[in-house]
Amino acid sequence: MIEEETLPFEAHLELRAQSVEALLRRLLDERILPGEIVRPGTLLAAMRHGVLNGGKRLRPFLVLESAALFDADGEAALRVAAALECVHCYSLIHDDLPAMDDDDLRRGQPTVHRAFDEASAILAGDSLLTYAFDIIADEATELPAQRKLDLVLGLSRAAGIGGMAGGQALDLEAERKRPDETGIITLQAMKTGALIRYGCEAGAVLAGAAPADRERLAEFGSAIGLAFQLADDLLDLTSNAETMGKATGKDAAAGKATLVGLHGANWAQDQLHGLVEQAHLLLEPYGERAALLKDAASFVANRRN
C-alpha cells in the first residue's frame, strides 16, 4: 500500500473530495430531519445534480487541511467542509441561470436549470444555502457553541451582501460600466475570494486556534483567492469548453473587465508567481505541517481547468 504522505498533491485532493462527497450523499438523502415535513423528490434530485457532479472540492480541502494544521481534522471539520461546499454549489447553480451568466454546461454536465428548469434551479440553490447552516448548527457537528456561532457568522458574511453575493452584483454591474483596477480587485475578492478565505480560516476557527493563527490563515486564503481568479481569467482566454467543463471566452464577449484584460497574460503570470510566494511565506511558521496547504497554493495558480 502506498503511504499517503508519498502521494502527489492531486491524489490528496481527490481523497479529501471523496470523503466530502460521501458525506454530501448521506446528507442529501430522503430521510426527514426533526422540524422537516417532507423532502420533495424533484427538489432533492436538483440539489444532488448541482452538488454530486464532480468538481475538485478545493474549498472543503482548505477547511480540512487548515483544521489538520491544528490537529482538528475530524468529523466536525468534515461537516463544516461539506457545508461550505453546499454554499459554493448553490452559488454555481444560481450563477449559471439565464438572469446571471446564462450557462448550459457545468463540470461537463448540463447546468441545473437545463437538466430540470429555472424554478427548480432557484429552489435547489436556496435549499443548499440554508442547508449549509443547518449542517454546522446540527448537534452532529460536535463543537463548542461559540465556535459554531463563529463559523455560522463567518460563512454568512463570506456568502452574503459584503461577500460572494455582493461580488456577483458588482460583477453584473461590470458588464455595464467597466471598473478600474481597484474595483476589479474588490469584486473578485468578494465573488471568488470570500469563500476561499473562509475555507482557510474556518479550519483554525473550528480548532479553537489563536486569533493570530486565524488571521494568518485568512490572509493565506486571500492570497490564493486572488490567485484562483487570476488563473481562472487566464483559462477563460486560453482554454476550451472541453477542458474546462464549462463555456470559455464569455468574459471578453460580455465586455467584463478583468485584471488579465487590463494588464495582459504575462503580467498575470508574474502576479501568480508573487501570490504563491506570499502564500508560502504566510505558512512558514507551521513548517512541514503546512506542506499540503503550500501545494494547494501552487496548484491553484498552475491549474489547467
Protein backbone atom coordinates (compact mmCIF):
# COMPACT_ATOMS: atom_id res chain seq x y z
CA MET A 1 0.00 0.00 0.00
CA ILE A 2 1.29 3.46 -0.92
CA GLU A 3 1.85 5.71 2.11
CA GLU A 4 -0.44 8.74 1.93
CA GLU A 5 2.49 11.09 2.56
CA THR A 6 4.12 10.00 -0.73
CA LEU A 7 1.09 10.70 -2.89
CA PRO A 8 1.10 13.64 -5.35
CA PHE A 9 -0.99 16.64 -4.38
CA GLU A 10 -3.81 15.81 -6.80
CA ALA A 11 -4.22 12.43 -5.08
CA HIS A 12 -4.55 14.10 -1.68
CA LEU A 13 -7.12 16.46 -3.19
CA GLU A 14 -9.05 13.52 -4.61
CA LEU A 15 -9.01 11.63 -1.29
CA ARG A 16 -10.44 14.65 0.50
CA ALA A 17 -13.01 15.12 -2.26
CA GLN A 18 -14.16 11.53 -1.88
CA SER A 19 -14.68 11.98 1.86
CA VAL A 20 -16.65 15.19 1.36
CA GLU A 21 -18.76 13.70 -1.44
CA ALA A 22 -19.57 10.63 0.65
CA LEU A 23 -20.87 12.87 3.42
CA LEU A 24 -22.83 15.03 0.97
CA ARG A 25 -24.50 11.89 -0.39
CA ARG A 26 -25.56 10.93 3.12
CA LEU A 27 -26.80 14.43 3.88
CA LEU A 28 -28.79 14.69 0.64
CA ASP A 29 -30.82 11.54 1.14
CA GLU A 30 -34.55 11.17 1.68
CA ARG A 31 -34.64 10.91 5.46
CA ILE A 32 -36.70 13.53 7.23
CA LEU A 33 -34.91 15.55 9.90
CA PRO A 34 -36.64 16.89 13.02
CA GLY A 35 -38.54 20.03 12.04
CA GLU A 36 -38.86 18.98 8.38
CA ILE A 37 -42.17 17.82 6.91
CA VAL A 38 -41.13 16.19 3.65
CA ARG A 39 -38.24 16.39 1.19
CA PRO A 40 -39.72 16.87 -2.30
CA GLY A 41 -38.21 14.40 -4.72
CA THR A 42 -37.63 16.76 -7.65
CA LEU A 43 -36.05 19.40 -5.43
CA LEU A 44 -33.76 16.83 -3.83
CA ALA A 45 -32.78 15.50 -7.27
CA ALA A 46 -31.95 19.02 -8.46
CA MET A 47 -29.84 19.62 -5.35
CA ARG A 48 -27.97 16.37 -5.93
CA HIS A 49 -27.40 17.26 -9.58
CA GLY A 50 -25.85 20.55 -8.53
CA VAL A 51 -23.63 19.06 -5.81
CA LEU A 52 -22.81 15.46 -6.73
CA ASN A 53 -21.41 16.22 -10.16
CA GLY A 54 -17.69 16.02 -9.60
CA GLY A 55 -15.50 19.02 -9.01
CA LYS A 56 -12.20 19.31 -7.19
CA ARG A 57 -13.78 20.24 -3.82
CA LEU A 58 -10.97 22.76 -3.29
CA ARG A 59 -12.82 24.82 -0.68
CA PRO A 60 -13.61 21.79 1.50
CA PHE A 61 -9.99 20.68 1.10
CA LEU A 62 -8.86 24.02 2.52
CA VAL A 63 -11.15 23.61 5.53
CA LEU A 64 -9.85 20.11 6.21
CA GLU A 65 -6.17 20.94 5.77
CA SER A 66 -6.33 24.15 7.80
CA ALA A 67 -8.06 22.18 10.56
CA ALA A 68 -5.41 19.44 10.33
CA LEU A 69 -2.76 22.11 10.85
CA PHE A 70 -4.08 22.36 14.43
CA ASP A 71 -4.91 18.65 14.88
CA ALA A 72 -8.66 19.18 14.43
CA ASP A 73 -9.22 17.07 11.34
CA GLY A 74 -12.26 15.03 12.40
CA GLU A 75 -15.97 14.62 11.70
CA ALA A 76 -16.74 18.21 12.73
CA ALA A 77 -14.21 19.53 10.21
CA LEU A 78 -15.67 17.29 7.51
CA ARG A 79 -19.16 18.61 8.21
CA VAL A 80 -18.01 22.23 8.05
CA ALA A 81 -16.23 21.40 4.78
CA ALA A 82 -19.45 19.90 3.38
CA ALA A 83 -21.42 22.96 4.48
CA LEU A 84 -19.02 25.24 2.63
CA GLU A 85 -19.33 23.09 -0.49
CA CYS A 86 -23.13 23.42 -0.30
CA VAL A 87 -22.76 27.21 -0.36
CA HIS A 88 -20.28 27.05 -3.23
CA CYS A 89 -22.52 24.77 -5.29
CA TYR A 90 -25.57 26.94 -4.59
CA SER A 91 -23.60 29.88 -6.00
CA LEU A 92 -22.73 27.92 -9.15
CA ILE A 93 -26.35 26.88 -9.70
CA HIS A 94 -27.55 30.48 -9.44
CA ASP A 95 -24.55 31.85 -11.37
CA ASP A 96 -25.48 29.62 -14.32
CA LEU A 97 -29.08 30.92 -14.52
CA PRO A 98 -30.19 32.91 -17.59
CA ALA A 99 -30.55 36.02 -15.43
CA MET A 100 -26.88 35.72 -14.41
CA ASP A 101 -24.22 34.16 -16.67
CA ASP A 102 -26.65 32.00 -18.69
CA ASP A 103 -24.53 28.87 -18.94
CA ASP A 104 -25.60 25.47 -20.24
CA LEU A 105 -22.61 23.46 -19.03
CA ARG A 106 -21.04 22.99 -15.59
CA ARG A 107 -18.36 20.41 -14.77
CA GLY A 108 -19.01 18.86 -18.16
CA GLN A 109 -22.72 18.28 -17.49
CA PRO A 110 -25.92 20.25 -18.16
CA THR A 111 -26.44 23.00 -15.62
CA VAL A 112 -29.27 22.50 -13.14
CA HIS A 113 -31.70 24.81 -14.93
CA ARG A 114 -31.07 22.87 -18.16
CA ALA A 115 -31.34 19.44 -16.56
CA PHE A 116 -34.52 20.47 -14.70
CA ASP A 117 -35.93 24.00 -15.06
CA GLU A 118 -35.23 27.51 -13.82
CA ALA A 119 -37.59 27.34 -10.85
CA SER A 120 -36.07 24.07 -9.67
CA ALA A 121 -32.58 25.54 -10.02
CA ILE A 122 -33.50 28.59 -7.93
CA LEU A 123 -35.05 26.43 -5.23
CA ALA A 124 -32.15 23.96 -5.27
CA GLY A 125 -29.73 26.84 -4.73
CA ASP A 126 -31.88 28.31 -1.96
CA SER A 127 -32.10 24.93 -0.25
CA LEU A 128 -28.36 24.26 -0.43
CA LEU A 129 -27.61 27.68 1.04
CA THR A 130 -29.90 27.19 4.01
CA TYR A 131 -28.84 23.56 4.48
CA ALA A 132 -25.23 24.70 4.91
CA PHE A 133 -26.14 26.48 8.15
CA ASP A 134 -28.24 23.50 9.23
CA ILE A 135 -25.19 21.24 8.84
CA ILE A 136 -22.97 23.45 11.01
CA ALA A 137 -25.62 24.09 13.66
CA ASP A 138 -26.73 20.45 13.92
CA GLU A 139 -25.74 18.59 17.09
CA ALA A 140 -23.89 16.10 14.90
CA THR A 141 -21.27 18.82 14.37
CA GLU A 142 -19.67 18.35 17.76
CA LEU A 143 -18.10 21.72 18.53
CA PRO A 144 -18.42 24.22 21.38
CA ALA A 145 -21.36 26.60 20.86
CA GLN A 146 -19.14 29.67 20.44
CA ARG A 147 -17.12 28.02 17.66
CA LYS A 148 -20.31 27.05 15.86
CA LEU A 149 -21.53 30.63 16.18
CA ASP A 150 -18.26 31.97 14.79
CA LEU A 151 -18.41 29.53 11.87
CA VAL A 152 -22.02 30.40 11.04
CA LEU A 153 -21.36 34.13 11.31
CA GLY A 154 -18.24 33.89 9.18
CA LEU A 155 -19.97 31.86 6.49
CA SER A 156 -22.98 34.17 6.33
CA ARG A 157 -20.73 37.20 5.86
CA ALA A 158 -18.50 35.45 3.32
CA ALA A 159 -21.54 34.40 1.30
CA GLY A 160 -23.72 37.49 1.69
CA ILE A 161 -24.04 41.13 0.73
CA GLY A 162 -20.47 42.04 1.67
CA GLY A 163 -19.05 38.81 0.26
CA MET A 164 -19.90 36.45 -2.57
CA ALA A 165 -23.43 37.66 -3.39
CA GLY A 166 -22.30 41.27 -3.30
CA GLY A 167 -19.38 40.37 -5.55
CA GLN A 168 -21.76 38.80 -8.07
CA ALA A 169 -23.80 42.03 -8.05
CA LEU A 170 -20.64 44.04 -8.75
CA ASP A 171 -19.69 41.57 -11.49
CA LEU A 172 -23.01 42.09 -13.23
CA GLU A 173 -22.59 45.86 -12.94
CA ALA A 174 -19.15 45.49 -14.52
CA GLU A 175 -20.81 44.49 -17.79
CA ARG A 176 -22.40 47.95 -17.98
CA LYS A 177 -19.70 50.17 -16.51
CA ARG A 178 -16.12 49.00 -16.53
CA PRO A 179 -14.50 49.24 -13.08
CA ASP A 180 -10.92 50.35 -12.55
CA GLU A 181 -8.26 48.03 -11.18
CA THR A 182 -9.28 48.66 -7.57
CA GLY A 183 -12.88 47.88 -8.44
CA ILE A 184 -11.93 44.64 -10.17
CA ILE A 185 -9.83 43.50 -7.20
CA THR A 186 -12.70 44.33 -4.83
CA LEU A 187 -15.36 42.43 -6.79
CA GLN A 188 -13.08 39.42 -7.25
CA ALA A 189 -12.13 39.36 -3.57
CA MET A 190 -15.85 39.21 -2.82
CA LYS A 191 -17.21 36.96 -5.58
CA THR A 192 -14.40 34.40 -5.65
CA GLY A 193 -12.07 35.14 -2.76
CA ALA A 194 -14.52 35.36 0.14
CA LEU A 195 -15.41 31.66 0.28
CA ILE A 196 -11.78 30.61 -0.25
CA ARG A 197 -10.68 32.91 2.57
CA TYR A 198 -13.43 31.48 4.75
CA GLY A 199 -12.35 27.92 3.96
CA CYS A 200 -8.81 28.64 5.14
CA GLU A 201 -9.85 30.46 8.30
CA ALA A 202 -12.65 28.01 9.17
CA GLY A 203 -10.21 25.22 9.99
CA ALA A 204 -8.47 27.46 12.51
CA VAL A 205 -11.83 28.53 13.95
CA LEU A 206 -13.17 25.01 14.49
CA ALA A 207 -9.81 24.03 16.01
CA GLY A 208 -10.01 26.89 18.51
CA ALA A 209 -6.71 28.30 17.23
CA ALA A 210 -5.37 31.62 18.46
CA PRO A 211 -6.60 34.85 16.80
CA ALA A 212 -3.18 35.40 15.23
CA ASP A 213 -3.38 31.98 13.57
CA ARG A 214 -6.91 32.69 12.34
CA GLU A 215 -5.75 35.94 10.76
CA ARG A 216 -2.69 34.31 9.19
CA LEU A 217 -4.82 31.58 7.62
CA ALA A 218 -7.32 34.20 6.43
CA GLU A 219 -4.51 36.17 4.78
CA PHE A 220 -3.33 32.97 3.14
CA GLY A 221 -6.87 32.46 1.85
CA SER A 222 -6.99 35.99 0.44
CA ALA A 223 -3.75 35.42 -1.46
CA ILE A 224 -4.82 32.14 -3.03
CA GLY A 225 -8.32 33.52 -3.68
CA LEU A 226 -6.84 36.24 -5.88
CA ALA A 227 -4.54 33.67 -7.50
CA PHE A 228 -7.54 31.44 -8.21
CA GLN A 229 -9.37 34.24 -10.01
CA LEU A 230 -6.30 35.31 -11.99
CA ALA A 231 -5.78 31.73 -13.12
CA ASP A 232 -9.48 31.45 -13.99
CA ASP A 233 -9.32 34.62 -16.10
CA LEU A 234 -6.27 33.28 -17.93
CA LEU A 235 -8.02 29.98 -18.60
CA ASP A 236 -11.11 31.80 -19.86
CA LEU A 237 -8.88 33.29 -22.56
CA THR A 238 -6.68 30.32 -23.35
CA SER A 239 -8.61 27.12 -22.65
CA ASN A 240 -11.69 25.50 -24.18
CA ALA A 241 -15.04 24.17 -23.00
CA GLU A 242 -13.97 20.52 -23.26
CA THR A 243 -11.02 21.07 -20.92
CA MET A 244 -12.81 23.43 -18.54
CA GLY A 245 -16.16 21.63 -18.39
CA LYS A 246 -17.90 24.98 -18.94
CA ALA A 247 -18.07 27.69 -21.58
CA THR A 248 -14.96 29.82 -22.09
CA GLY A 249 -14.34 33.25 -23.61
CA LYS A 250 -17.55 34.62 -22.09
CA ASP A 251 -15.94 37.40 -20.04
CA ALA A 252 -14.40 39.03 -23.10
CA ALA A 253 -17.60 38.55 -25.11
CA ALA A 254 -19.63 40.21 -22.34
CA GLY A 255 -17.16 43.08 -22.10
CA LYS A 256 -16.28 42.32 -18.48
CA ALA A 257 -13.18 43.98 -17.12
CA THR A 258 -10.58 41.60 -15.68
CA LEU A 259 -7.04 42.08 -14.43
CA VAL A 260 -5.83 39.88 -17.28
CA GLY A 261 -7.70 42.07 -19.74
CA LEU A 262 -6.19 45.22 -18.23
CA HIS A 263 -2.58 44.07 -17.97
CA GLY A 264 -2.14 41.03 -20.20
CA ALA A 265 -1.24 37.39 -19.71
CA ASN A 266 2.47 37.93 -18.95
CA TRP A 267 1.64 40.36 -16.14
CA ALA A 268 -0.88 37.88 -14.75
CA GLN A 269 1.71 35.09 -14.73
CA ASP A 270 4.12 37.31 -12.79
CA GLN A 271 1.37 38.16 -10.31
CA LEU A 272 0.53 34.50 -9.84
CA HIS A 273 4.15 33.74 -9.05
CA GLY A 274 4.21 36.54 -6.46
CA LEU A 275 0.95 35.43 -4.86
CA VAL A 276 2.20 31.86 -4.47
CA GLU A 277 5.38 33.16 -2.83
CA GLN A 278 3.28 35.32 -0.49
CA ALA A 279 1.04 32.37 0.39
CA HIS A 280 4.03 30.13 1.11
CA LEU A 281 5.65 32.76 3.34
CA LEU A 282 2.49 33.09 5.40
CA LEU A 283 2.67 29.38 6.18
CA GLU A 284 6.36 29.30 7.13
CA PRO A 285 5.69 29.29 10.91
CA TYR A 286 3.97 25.90 10.57
CA GLY A 287 6.86 24.11 8.88
CA GLU A 288 6.22 20.77 7.22
CA ARG A 289 2.73 20.57 8.72
CA ALA A 290 1.66 23.14 6.13
CA ALA A 291 3.14 21.29 3.14
CA LEU A 292 -0.22 20.37 1.59
CA LEU A 293 -1.57 23.90 2.00
CA LYS A 294 1.53 25.21 0.25
CA ASP A 295 0.93 22.68 -2.51
CA ALA A 296 -2.66 23.92 -2.73
CA ALA A 297 -1.43 27.46 -3.38
CA SER A 298 0.80 26.24 -6.21
CA PHE A 299 -1.99 24.07 -7.60
CA VAL A 300 -4.43 26.99 -7.67
CA ALA A 301 -2.03 29.17 -9.62
CA ASN A 302 -0.97 26.50 -12.11
CA ARG A 303 -4.23 24.62 -12.71
CA ARG A 304 -5.35 23.83 -16.24
CA ASN A 305 -9.11 23.51 -15.69
